[in-house]
Amino acid sequence: MTHTQTEYKYVELDERNVPTVAGTTLKVVEVVMAQRAYGWSPEEFYFQHPYLSMSQIHGALTYYWDNKEELDADIQRREEYAEKMRQEAGESPFVARLRAQGLLK
């Protein structure tokens, strides 16, 4: 896998020009999405992902804030795709069984 260095010490671009945390396969948008979903501070993110350094986490967040518009558009595309896939998949057999048993409304 080829990575291209950026002007950000802790962020590289993968072969598709997706920003990742340097030395990992973790995408910058995944850091941001986890932070939004769970309300994690950088310290809590570090606690949950101890293989990262605080510098890598802060570097990813710095990259996000410096490229917010572009990355927010990427996050929006990802969320729309996930919702489309969820709708296309329909109800899981497990949920259908729970409904049939009256355990779900």
PDB file of N, CA and C in Angstrom:
ATOM      1  N   MET A   1       0.842  -1.170   0.000  1.00  0.00           N
ATOM      2  CA  MET A   1       0.000   0.000   0.000  1.00  0.00           C
ATOM      3  C   MET A   1       0.889   1.235   0.000  1.00  0.00           C
ATOM      4  N   THR A   2       0.673   2.126  -0.913  1.00  0.00           N
ATOM      5  CA  THR A   2       1.475   3.327  -1.043  1.00  0.00           C
ATOM      6  C   THR A   2       0.811   4.485  -0.314  1.00  0.00           C
ATOM      7  N   HIS A   3       1.599   5.196   0.478  1.00  0.00           N
ATOM      8  CA  HIS A   3       1.097   6.365   1.188  1.00  0.00           C
ATOM      9  C   HIS A   3       1.922   7.565   0.783  1.00  0.00           C
ATOM     10  N   THR A   4       1.259   8.707   0.694  1.00  0.00           N
ATOM     11  CA  THR A   4       1.917   9.956   0.354  1.00  0.00           C
ATOM     12  C   THR A   4       1.921  10.853   1.575  1.00  0.00           C
ATOM     13  N   GLN A   5       3.074  11.379   1.904  1.00  0.00           N
ATOM     14  CA  GLN A   5       3.192  12.270   3.046  1.00  0.00           C
ATOM     15  C   GLN A   5       2.479  13.578   2.736  1.00  0.00           C
ATOM     16  N   THR A   6       1.925  14.201   3.759  1.00  0.00           N
ATOM     17  CA  THR A   6       1.296  15.514   3.628  1.00  0.00           C
ATOM     18  C   THR A   6       2.136  16.515   4.408  1.00  0.00           C
ATOM     19  N   GLU A   7       1.711  17.756   4.428  1.00  0.00           N
ATOM     20  CA  GLU A   7       2.414  18.751   5.242  1.00  0.00           C
ATOM     21  C   GLU A   7       2.130  18.541   6.724  1.00  0.00           C
ATOM     22  N   TYR A   8       1.225  17.622   7.026  1.00  0.00           N
ATOM     23  CA  TYR A   8       0.886  17.272   8.400  1.00  0.00           C
ATOM     24  C   TYR A   8       1.711  16.046   8.797  1.00  0.00           C
ATOM     25  N   LYS A   9       2.498  16.162   9.825  1.00  0.00           N
ATOM     26  CA  LYS A   9       3.413  15.106  10.227  1.00  0.00           C
ATOM     27  C   LYS A   9       2.707  13.777  10.484  1.00  0.00           C
ATOM     28  N   TYR A  10       1.500  13.822  11.013  1.00  0.00           N
ATOM     29  CA  TYR A  10       0.817  12.599  11.432  1.00  0.00           C
ATOM     30  C   TYR A  10      -0.314  12.174  10.496  1.00  0.00           C
ATOM     31  N   VAL A  11      -0.352  12.723   9.298  1.00  0.00           N
ATOM     32  CA  VAL A  11      -1.396  12.359   8.330  1.00  0.00           C
ATOM     33  C   VAL A  11      -0.752  12.056   6.985  1.00  0.00           C
ATOM     34  N   GLU A  12      -1.155  10.913   6.415  1.00  0.00           N
ATOM     35  CA  GLU A  12      -0.709  10.513   5.078  1.00  0.00           C
ATOM     36  C   GLU A  12      -1.937  10.321   4.202  1.00  0.00           C
ATOM     37  N   LEU A  13      -1.725  10.367   2.902  1.00  0.00           N
ATOM     38  CA  LEU A  13      -2.787  10.063   1.951  1.00  0.00           C
ATOM     39  C   LEU A  13      -2.548   8.658   1.422  1.00  0.00           C
ATOM     40  N   ASP A  14      -3.590   7.828   1.427  1.00  0.00           N
ATOM     41  CA  ASP A  14      -3.425   6.480   0.879  1.00  0.00           C
ATOM     42  C   ASP A  14      -3.493   6.537  -0.644  1.00  0.00           C
ATOM     43  N   GLU A  15      -3.495   5.369  -1.277  1.00  0.00           N
ATOM     44  CA  GLU A  15      -3.453   5.328  -2.748  1.00  0.00           C
ATOM     45  C   GLU A  15      -4.687   5.949  -3.397  1.00  0.00           C
ATOM     46  N   ARG A  16      -5.761   6.128  -2.646  1.00  0.00           N
ATOM     47  CA  ARG A  16      -6.975   6.781  -3.174  1.00  0.00           C
ATOM     48  C   ARG A  16      -7.080   8.229  -2.698  1.00  0.00           C
ATOM     49  N   ASN A  17      -5.985   8.751  -2.143  1.00  0.00           N
ATOM     50  CA  ASN A  17      -5.921  10.118  -1.605  1.00  0.00           C
ATOM     51  C   ASN A  17      -6.832  10.335  -0.407  1.00  0.00           C
ATOM     52  N   VAL A  18      -7.091   9.272   0.336  1.00  0.00           N
ATOM     53  CA  VAL A  18      -7.870   9.375   1.566  1.00  0.00           C
ATOM     54  C   VAL A  18      -6.898   9.628   2.711  1.00  0.00           C
ATOM     55  N   PRO A  19      -7.119  10.686   3.507  1.00  0.00           N
ATOM     56  CA  PRO A  19      -6.203  10.964   4.610  1.00  0.00           C
ATOM     57  C   PRO A  19      -6.329   9.919   5.721  1.00  0.00           C
ATOM     58  N   THR A  20      -5.191   9.381   6.117  1.00  0.00           N
ATOM     59  CA  THR A  20      -5.125   8.379   7.179  1.00  0.00           C
ATOM     60  C   THR A  20      -4.128   8.844   8.233  1.00  0.00           C
ATOM     61  N   VAL A  21      -4.270   8.294   9.432  1.00  0.00           N
ATOM     62  CA  VAL A  21      -3.298   8.570  10.487  1.00  0.00           C
ATOM     63  C   VAL A  21      -2.003   7.870  10.080  1.00  0.00           C
ATOM     64  N   ALA A  22      -0.920   8.617  10.034  1.00  0.00           N
ATOM     65  CA  ALA A  22       0.369   8.093   9.570  1.00  0.00           C
ATOM     66  C   ALA A  22       0.737   6.810  10.302  1.00  0.00           C
ATOM     67  N   GLY A  23       1.165   5.823   9.520  1.00  0.00           N
ATOM     68  CA  GLY A  23       1.598   4.554  10.079  1.00  0.00           C
ATOM     69  C   GLY A  23       0.470   3.596  10.418  1.00  0.00           C
ATOM     70  N   THR A  24      -0.764   3.963  10.079  1.00  0.00           N
ATOM     71  CA  THR A  24      -1.928   3.116  10.369  1.00  0.00           C
ATOM     72  C   THR A  24      -2.820   3.057   9.137  1.00  0.00           C
ATOM     73  N   THR A  25      -3.892   2.305   9.244  1.00  0.00           N
ATOM     74  CA  THR A  25      -4.928   2.301   8.197  1.00  0.00           C
ATOM     75  C   THR A  25      -6.157   3.085   8.652  1.00  0.00           C
ATOM     76  N   LEU A  26      -6.080   3.721   9.815  1.00  0.00           N
ATOM     77  CA  LEU A  26      -7.196   4.478  10.368  1.00  0.00           C
ATOM     78  C   LEU A  26      -7.375   5.780   9.599  1.00  0.00           C
ATOM     79  N   LYS A  27      -8.565   5.977   9.057  1.00  0.00           N
ATOM     80  CA  LYS A  27      -8.861   7.184   8.289  1.00  0.00           C
ATOM     81  C   LYS A  27      -9.161   8.353   9.230  1.00  0.00           C
ATOM     82  N   VAL A  28      -8.776   9.539   8.814  1.00  0.00           N
ATOM     83  CA  VAL A  28      -9.053  10.739   9.601  1.00  0.00           C
ATOM     84  C   VAL A  28     -10.550  10.872   9.835  1.00  0.00           C
ATOM     85  N   VAL A  29     -11.374  10.587   8.817  1.00  0.00           N
ATOM     86  CA  VAL A  29     -12.831  10.703   9.001  1.00  0.00           C
ATOM     87  C   VAL A  29     -13.343   9.711  10.038  1.00  0.00           C
ATOM     88  N   GLU A  30     -12.682   8.568  10.191  1.00  0.00           N
ATOM     89  CA  GLU A  30     -13.096   7.600  11.211  1.00  0.00           C
ATOM     90  C   GLU A  30     -12.820   8.147  12.613  1.00  0.00           C
ATOM     91  N   VAL A  31     -11.730   8.883  12.767  1.00  0.00           N
ATOM     92  CA  VAL A  31     -11.438   9.530  14.049  1.00  0.00           C
ATOM     93  C   VAL A  31     -12.543  10.536  14.357  1.00  0.00           C
ATOM     94  N   VAL A  32     -12.874  11.351  13.383  1.00  0.00           N
ATOM     95  CA  VAL A  32     -13.884  12.398  13.568  1.00  0.00           C
ATOM     96  C   VAL A  32     -15.263  11.779  13.821  1.00  0.00           C
ATOM     97  N   MET A  33     -15.622  10.753  13.054  1.00  0.00           N
ATOM     98  CA  MET A  33     -16.930  10.128  13.223  1.00  0.00           C
ATOM     99  C   MET A  33     -17.058   9.475  14.604  1.00  0.00           C
ATOM    100  N   ALA A  34     -15.999   8.854  15.090  1.00  0.00           N
ATOM    101  CA  ALA A  34     -16.030   8.258  16.430  1.00  0.00           C
ATOM    102  C   ALA A  34     -16.158   9.350  17.482  1.00  0.00           C
ATOM    103  N   GLN A  35     -15.447  10.426  17.287  1.00  0.00           N
ATOM    104  CA  GLN A  35     -15.515  11.527  18.237  1.00  0.00           C
ATOM    105  C   GLN A  35     -16.938  12.090  18.293  1.00  0.00           C
ATOM    106  N   ARG A  36     -17.570  12.231  17.142  1.00  0.00           N
ATOM    107  CA  ARG A  36     -18.951  12.729  17.098  1.00  0.00           C
ATOM    108  C   ARG A  36     -19.929  11.720  17.700  1.00  0.00           C
ATOM    109  N   ALA A  37     -19.775  10.464  17.326  1.00  0.00           N
ATOM    110  CA  ALA A  37     -20.721   9.431  17.757  1.00  0.00           C
ATOM    111  C   ALA A  37     -20.674   9.212  19.268  1.00  0.00           C
ATOM    112  N   TYR A  38     -19.488   9.213  19.831  1.00  0.00           N
ATOM    113  CA  TYR A  38     -19.331   8.875  21.241  1.00  0.00           C
ATOM    114  C   TYR A  38     -19.020  10.074  22.130  1.00  0.00           C
ATOM    115  N   GLY A  39     -18.798  11.233  21.513  1.00  0.00           N
ATOM    116  CA  GLY A  39     -18.461  12.417  22.296  1.00  0.00           C
ATOM    117  C   GLY A  39     -17.094  12.335  22.953  1.00  0.00           C
ATOM    118  N   TRP A  40     -16.190  11.586  22.336  1.00  0.00           N
ATOM    119  CA  TRP A  40     -14.874  11.364  22.924  1.00  0.00           C
ATOM    120  C   TRP A  40     -13.979  12.594  22.815  1.00  0.00           C
ATOM    121  N   SER A  41     -13.292  12.884  23.891  1.00  0.00           N
ATOM    122  CA  SER A  41     -12.198  13.852  23.863  1.00  0.00           C
ATOM    123  C   SER A  41     -10.999  13.143  23.239  1.00  0.00           C
ATOM    124  N   PRO A  42      -9.971  13.884  22.861  1.00  0.00           N
ATOM    125  CA  PRO A  42      -8.766  13.212  22.364  1.00  0.00           C
ATOM    126  C   PRO A  42      -8.201  12.216  23.378  1.00  0.00           C
ATOM    127  N   GLU A  43      -8.302  12.550  24.661  1.00  0.00           N
ATOM    128  CA  GLU A  43      -7.802  11.651  25.708  1.00  0.00           C
ATOM    129  C   GLU A  43      -8.607  10.352  25.744  1.00  0.00           C
ATOM    130  N   GLU A  44      -9.932  10.467  25.620  1.00  0.00           N
ATOM    131  CA  GLU A  44     -10.774   9.272  25.612  1.00  0.00           C
ATOM    132  C   GLU A  44     -10.519   8.453  24.348  1.00  0.00           C
ATOM    133  N   PHE A  45     -10.313   9.130  23.226  1.00  0.00           N
ATOM    134  CA  PHE A  45      -9.986   8.419  21.992  1.00  0.00           C
ATOM    135  C   PHE A  45      -8.698   7.622  22.191  1.00  0.00           C
ATOM    136  N   TYR A  46      -7.725   8.225  22.840  1.00  0.00           N
ATOM    137  CA  TYR A  46      -6.459   7.547  23.131  1.00  0.00           C
ATOM    138  C   TYR A  46      -6.692   6.333  24.024  1.00  0.00           C
ATOM    139  N   PHE A  47      -7.543   6.478  25.042  1.00  0.00           N
ATOM    140  CA  PHE A  47      -7.859   5.369  25.934  1.00  0.00           C
ATOM    141  C   PHE A  47      -8.467   4.206  25.147  1.00  0.00           C
ATOM    142  N   GLN A  48      -9.319   4.515  24.179  1.00  0.00           N
ATOM    143  CA  GLN A  48      -9.982   3.494  23.373  1.00  0.00           C
ATOM    144  C   GLN A  48      -9.069   2.921  22.290  1.00  0.00           C
ATOM    145  N   HIS A  49      -8.081   3.693  21.871  1.00  0.00           N
ATOM    146  CA  HIS A  49      -7.154   3.290  20.799  1.00  0.00           C
ATOM    147  C   HIS A  49      -5.716   3.526  21.248  1.00  0.00           C
ATOM    148  N   PRO A  50      -5.232   2.756  22.214  1.00  0.00           N
ATOM    149  CA  PRO A  50      -3.904   3.021  22.784  1.00  0.00           C
ATOM    150  C   PRO A  50      -2.739   2.780  21.826  1.00  0.00           C
ATOM    151  N   TYR A  51      -3.006   2.196  20.660  1.00  0.00           N
ATOM    152  CA  TYR A  51      -1.939   2.016  19.671  1.00  0.00           C
ATOM    153  C   TYR A  51      -1.597   3.332  18.985  1.00  0.00           C
ATOM    154  N   LEU A  52      -2.432   4.347  19.165  1.00  0.00           N
ATOM    155  CA  LEU A  52      -2.163   5.676  18.616  1.00  0.00           C
ATOM    156  C   LEU A  52      -1.491   6.534  19.677  1.00  0.00           C
ATOM    157  N   SER A  53      -0.724   7.496  19.236  1.00  0.00           N
ATOM    158  CA  SER A  53      -0.167   8.473  20.173  1.00  0.00           C
ATOM    159  C   SER A  53      -1.109   9.667  20.247  1.00  0.00           C
ATOM    160  N   MET A  54      -0.988  10.429  21.307  1.00  0.00           N
ATOM    161  CA  MET A  54      -1.793  11.652  21.407  1.00  0.00           C
ATOM    162  C   MET A  54      -1.451  12.589  20.245  1.00  0.00           C
ATOM    163  N   SER A  55      -0.202  12.588  19.814  1.00  0.00           N
ATOM    164  CA  SER A  55       0.200  13.431  18.680  1.00  0.00           C
ATOM    165  C   SER A  55      -0.525  13.005  17.406  1.00  0.00           C
ATOM    166  N   GLN A  56      -0.652  11.698  17.181  1.00  0.00           N
ATOM    167  CA  GLN A  56      -1.376  11.220  15.998  1.00  0.00           C
ATOM    168  C   GLN A  56      -2.843  11.644  16.053  1.00  0.00           C
ATOM    169  N   ILE A  57      -3.451  11.526  17.211  1.00  0.00           N
ATOM    170  CA  ILE A  57      -4.863  11.897  17.358  1.00  0.00           C
ATOM    171  C   ILE A  57      -5.045  13.389  17.121  1.00  0.00           C
ATOM    172  N   HIS A  58      -4.235  14.197  17.777  1.00  0.00           N
ATOM    173  CA  HIS A  58      -4.335  15.648  17.590  1.00  0.00           C
ATOM    174  C   HIS A  58      -3.985  16.040  16.152  1.00  0.00           C
ATOM    175  N   GLY A  59      -3.026  15.341  15.551  1.00  0.00           N
ATOM    176  CA  GLY A  59      -2.687  15.617  14.153  1.00  0.00           C
ATOM    177  C   GLY A  59      -3.856  15.333  13.220  1.00  0.00           C
ATOM    178  N   ALA A  60      -4.560  14.231  13.465  1.00  0.00           N
ATOM    179  CA  ALA A  60      -5.728  13.896  12.643  1.00  0.00           C
ATOM    180  C   ALA A  60      -6.819  14.949  12.815  1.00  0.00           C
ATOM    181  N   LEU A  61      -7.031  15.390  14.053  1.00  0.00           N
ATOM    182  CA  LEU A  61      -8.058  16.414  14.299  1.00  0.00           C
ATOM    183  C   LEU A  61      -7.661  17.761  13.695  1.00  0.00           C
ATOM    184  N   THR A  62      -6.384  18.073  13.743  1.00  0.00           N
ATOM    185  CA  THR A  62      -5.915  19.311  13.106  1.00  0.00           C
ATOM    186  C   THR A  62      -6.152  19.258  11.606  1.00  0.00           C
ATOM    187  N   TYR A  63      -5.820  18.117  11.008  1.00  0.00           N
ATOM    188  CA  TYR A  63      -6.054  17.950   9.573  1.00  0.00           C
ATOM    189  C   TYR A  63      -7.536  18.125   9.264  1.00  0.00           C
ATOM    190  N   TYR A  64      -8.393  17.522  10.091  1.00  0.00           N
ATOM    191  CA  TYR A  64      -9.842  17.656   9.879  1.00  0.00           C
ATOM    192  C   TYR A  64     -10.256  19.126   9.902  1.00  0.00           C
ATOM    193  N   TRP A  65      -9.868  19.859  10.940  1.00  0.00           N
ATOM    194  CA  TRP A  65     -10.310  21.250  11.047  1.00  0.00           C
ATOM    195  C   TRP A  65      -9.754  22.124   9.926  1.00  0.00           C
ATOM    196  N   ASP A  66      -8.574  21.787   9.439  1.00  0.00           N
ATOM    197  CA  ASP A  66      -8.007  22.545   8.319  1.00  0.00           C
ATOM    198  C   ASP A  66      -8.646  22.173   6.981  1.00  0.00           C
ATOM    199  N   ASN A  67      -9.330  21.034   6.929  1.00  0.00           N
ATOM    200  CA  ASN A  67      -9.953  20.551   5.687  1.00  0.00           C
ATOM    201  C   ASN A  67     -11.410  20.162   5.937  1.00  0.00           C
ATOM    202  N   LYS A  68     -12.058  20.879   6.836  1.00  0.00           N
ATOM    203  CA  LYS A  68     -13.380  20.529   7.348  1.00  0.00           C
ATOM    204  C   LYS A  68     -14.429  20.372   6.246  1.00  0.00           C
ATOM    205  N   GLU A  69     -14.506  21.293   5.348  1.00  0.00           N
ATOM    206  CA  GLU A  69     -15.545  21.253   4.305  1.00  0.00           C
ATOM    207  C   GLU A  69     -15.433  19.965   3.469  1.00  0.00           C
ATOM    208  N   GLU A  70     -14.239  19.664   3.022  1.00  0.00           N
ATOM    209  CA  GLU A  70     -14.010  18.469   2.205  1.00  0.00           C
ATOM    210  C   GLU A  70     -14.297  17.187   2.994  1.00  0.00           C
ATOM    211  N   LEU A  71     -13.826  17.129   4.223  1.00  0.00           N
ATOM    212  CA  LEU A  71     -14.025  15.920   5.017  1.00  0.00           C
ATOM    213  C   LEU A  71     -15.471  15.773   5.488  1.00  0.00           C
ATOM    214  N   ASP A  72     -16.141  16.882   5.784  1.00  0.00           N
ATOM    215  CA  ASP A  72     -17.565  16.808   6.134  1.00  0.00           C
ATOM    216  C   ASP A  72     -18.374  16.264   4.955  1.00  0.00           C
ATOM    217  N   ALA A  73     -18.013  16.649   3.738  1.00  0.00           N
ATOM    218  CA  ALA A  73     -18.695  16.117   2.552  1.00  0.00           C
ATOM    219  C   ALA A  73     -18.454  14.611   2.438  1.00  0.00           C
ATOM    220  N   ASP A  74     -17.233  14.160   2.730  1.00  0.00           N
ATOM    221  CA  ASP A  74     -16.927  12.727   2.709  1.00  0.00           C
ATOM    222  C   ASP A  74     -17.737  11.989   3.771  1.00  0.00           C
ATOM    223  N   ILE A  75     -17.819  12.549   4.970  1.00  0.00           N
ATOM    224  CA  ILE A  75     -18.603  11.933   6.044  1.00  0.00           C
ATOM    225  C   ILE A  75     -20.070  11.848   5.632  1.00  0.00           C
ATOM    226  N   GLN A  76     -20.588  12.897   5.029  1.00  0.00           N
ATOM    227  CA  GLN A  76     -21.979  12.901   4.572  1.00  0.00           C
ATOM    228  C   GLN A  76     -22.216  11.801   3.540  1.00  0.00           C
ATOM    229  N   ARG A  77     -21.297  11.648   2.599  1.00  0.00           N
ATOM    230  CA  ARG A  77     -21.416  10.582   1.591  1.00  0.00           C
ATOM    231  C   ARG A  77     -21.424   9.208   2.252  1.00  0.00           C
ATOM    232  N   ARG A  78     -20.552   9.015   3.226  1.00  0.00           N
ATOM    233  CA  ARG A  78     -20.481   7.739   3.941  1.00  0.00           C
ATOM    234  C   ARG A  78     -21.780   7.450   4.685  1.00  0.00           C
ATOM    235  N   GLU A  79     -22.328   8.470   5.345  1.00  0.00           N
ATOM    236  CA  GLU A  79     -23.574   8.287   6.085  1.00  0.00           C
ATOM    237  C   GLU A  79     -24.734   7.981   5.147  1.00  0.00           C
ATOM    238  N   GLU A  80     -24.790   8.667   4.015  1.00  0.00           N
ATOM    239  CA  GLU A  80     -25.848   8.408   3.035  1.00  0.00           C
ATOM    240  C   GLU A  80     -25.728   6.996   2.462  1.00  0.00           C
ATOM    241  N   TYR A  81     -24.520   6.559   2.190  1.00  0.00           N
ATOM    242  CA  TYR A  81     -24.303   5.212   1.667  1.00  0.00           C
ATOM    243  C   TYR A  81     -24.725   4.168   2.698  1.00  0.00           C
ATOM    244  N   ALA A  82     -24.348   4.382   3.955  1.00  0.00           N
ATOM    245  CA  ALA A  82     -24.717   3.433   5.012  1.00  0.00           C
ATOM    246  C   ALA A  82     -26.230   3.361   5.160  1.00  0.00           C
ATOM    247  N   GLU A  83     -26.901   4.484   5.103  1.00  0.00           N
ATOM    248  CA  GLU A  83     -28.369   4.499   5.210  1.00  0.00           C
ATOM    249  C   GLU A  83     -29.012   3.795   4.022  1.00  0.00           C
ATOM    250  N   LYS A  84     -28.485   4.028   2.835  1.00  0.00           N
ATOM    251  CA  LYS A  84     -29.007   3.358   1.635  1.00  0.00           C
ATOM    252  C   LYS A  84     -28.854   1.843   1.764  1.00  0.00           C
ATOM    253  N   MET A  85     -27.686   1.397   2.219  1.00  0.00           N
ATOM    254  CA  MET A  85     -27.452  -0.039   2.387  1.00  0.00           C
ATOM    255  C   MET A  85     -28.378  -0.623   3.461  1.00  0.00           C
ATOM    256  N   ARG A  86     -28.601   0.132   4.539  1.00  0.00           N
ATOM    257  CA  ARG A  86     -29.486  -0.327   5.600  1.00  0.00           C
ATOM    258  C   ARG A  86     -30.900  -0.507   5.070  1.00  0.00           C
ATOM    259  N   GLN A  87     -31.357   0.459   4.290  1.00  0.00           N
ATOM    260  CA  GLN A  87     -32.707   0.380   3.726  1.00  0.00           C
ATOM    261  C   GLN A  87     -32.825  -0.766   2.733  1.00  0.00           C
ATOM    262  N   GLU A  88     -31.814  -0.940   1.900  1.00  0.00           N
ATOM    263  CA  GLU A  88     -31.842  -2.027   0.913  1.00  0.00           C
ATOM    264  C   GLU A  88     -31.800  -3.400   1.575  1.00  0.00           C
ATOM    265  N   ALA A  89     -31.098  -3.506   2.696  1.00  0.00           N
ATOM    266  CA  ALA A  89     -30.977  -4.792   3.393  1.00  0.00           C
ATOM    267  C   ALA A  89     -32.292  -5.189   4.049  1.00  0.00           C
ATOM    268  N   GLY A  90     -33.073  -4.199   4.442  1.00  0.00           N
ATOM    269  CA  GLY A  90     -34.342  -4.504   5.096  1.00  0.00           C
ATOM    270  C   GLY A  90     -34.130  -5.060   6.496  1.00  0.00           C
ATOM    271  N   GLU A  91     -35.199  -5.598   7.020  1.00  0.00           N
ATOM    272  CA  GLU A  91     -35.166  -6.128   8.381  1.00  0.00           C
ATOM    273  C   GLU A  91     -34.403  -7.443   8.439  1.00  0.00           C
ATOM    274  N   SER A  92     -33.586  -7.587   9.462  1.00  0.00           N
ATOM    275  CA  SER A  92     -32.812  -8.819   9.606  1.00  0.00           C
ATOM    276  C   SER A  92     -33.727  -9.946  10.078  1.00  0.00           C
ATOM    277  N   PRO A  93     -33.364 -11.190   9.768  1.00  0.00           N
ATOM    278  CA  PRO A  93     -34.153 -12.322  10.254  1.00  0.00           C
ATOM    279  C   PRO A  93     -34.268 -12.347  11.779  1.00  0.00           C
ATOM    280  N   PHE A  94     -33.223 -11.928  12.472  1.00  0.00           N
ATOM    281  CA  PHE A  94     -33.250 -11.899  13.928  1.00  0.00           C
ATOM    282  C   PHE A  94     -34.313 -10.925  14.433  1.00  0.00           C
ATOM    283  N   VAL A  95     -34.336  -9.725  13.869  1.00  0.00           N
ATOM    284  CA  VAL A  95     -35.335  -8.725  14.265  1.00  0.00           C
ATOM    285  C   VAL A  95     -36.736  -9.226  13.915  1.00  0.00           C
ATOM    286  N   ALA A  96     -36.884  -9.865  12.773  1.00  0.00           N
ATOM    287  CA  ALA A  96     -38.190 -10.406  12.387  1.00  0.00           C
ATOM    288  C   ALA A  96     -38.672 -11.439  13.405  1.00  0.00           C
ATOM    289  N   ARG A  97     -37.761 -12.308  13.878  1.00  0.00           N
ATOM    290  CA  ARG A  97     -38.132 -13.301  14.898  1.00  0.00           C
ATOM    291  C   ARG A  97     -38.551 -12.622  16.201  1.00  0.00           C
ATOM    292  N   LEU A  98     -37.802 -11.604  16.606  1.00  0.00           N
ATOM    293  CA  LEU A  98     -38.150 -10.885  17.839  1.00  0.00           C
ATOM    294  C   LEU A  98     -39.511 -10.219  17.708  1.00  0.00           C
ATOM    295  N   ARG A  99     -39.791  -9.655  16.543  1.00  0.00           N
ATOM    296  CA  ARG A  99     -41.100  -9.049  16.293  1.00  0.00           C
ATOM    297  C   ARG A  99     -42.211 -10.082  16.356  1.00  0.00           C
ATOM    298  N   ALA A 100     -41.963 -11.227  15.722  1.00  0.00           N
ATOM    299  CA  ALA A 100     -42.950 -12.312  15.697  1.00  0.00           C
ATOM    300  C   ALA A 100     -43.237 -12.812  17.114  1.00  0.00           C
ATOM    301  N   GLN A 101     -42.243 -12.769  17.973  1.00  0.00           N
ATOM    302  CA  GLN A 101     -42.414 -13.221  19.359  1.00  0.00           C
ATOM    303  C   GLN A 101     -43.007 -12.131  20.253  1.00  0.00           C
ATOM    304  N   GLY A 102     -43.231 -10.934  19.655  1.00  0.00           N
ATOM    305  CA  GLY A 102     -43.788  -9.839  20.425  1.00  0.00           C
ATOM    306  C   GLY A 102     -42.771  -9.147  21.312  1.00  0.00           C
ATOM    307  N   LEU A 103     -41.498  -9.384  21.069  1.00  0.00           N
ATOM    308  CA  LEU A 103     -40.444  -8.781  21.886  1.00  0.00           C
ATOM    309  C   LEU A 103     -40.019  -7.400  21.369  1.00  0.00           C
ATOM    310  N   LEU A 104     -40.422  -7.091  20.144  1.00  0.00           N
ATOM    311  CA  LEU A 104     -40.164  -5.772  19.552  1.00  0.00           C
ATOM    312  C   LEU A 104     -41.457  -5.249  18.957  1.00  0.00           C
ATOM    313  N   LYS A 105     -41.568  -3.956  18.951  1.00  0.00           N
ATOM    314  CA  LYS A 105     -42.761  -3.332  18.339  1.00  0.00           C
ATOM    315  C   LYS A 105     -42.536  -3.099  16.873  1.00  0.00           C
TER     316      LYS A 105
END
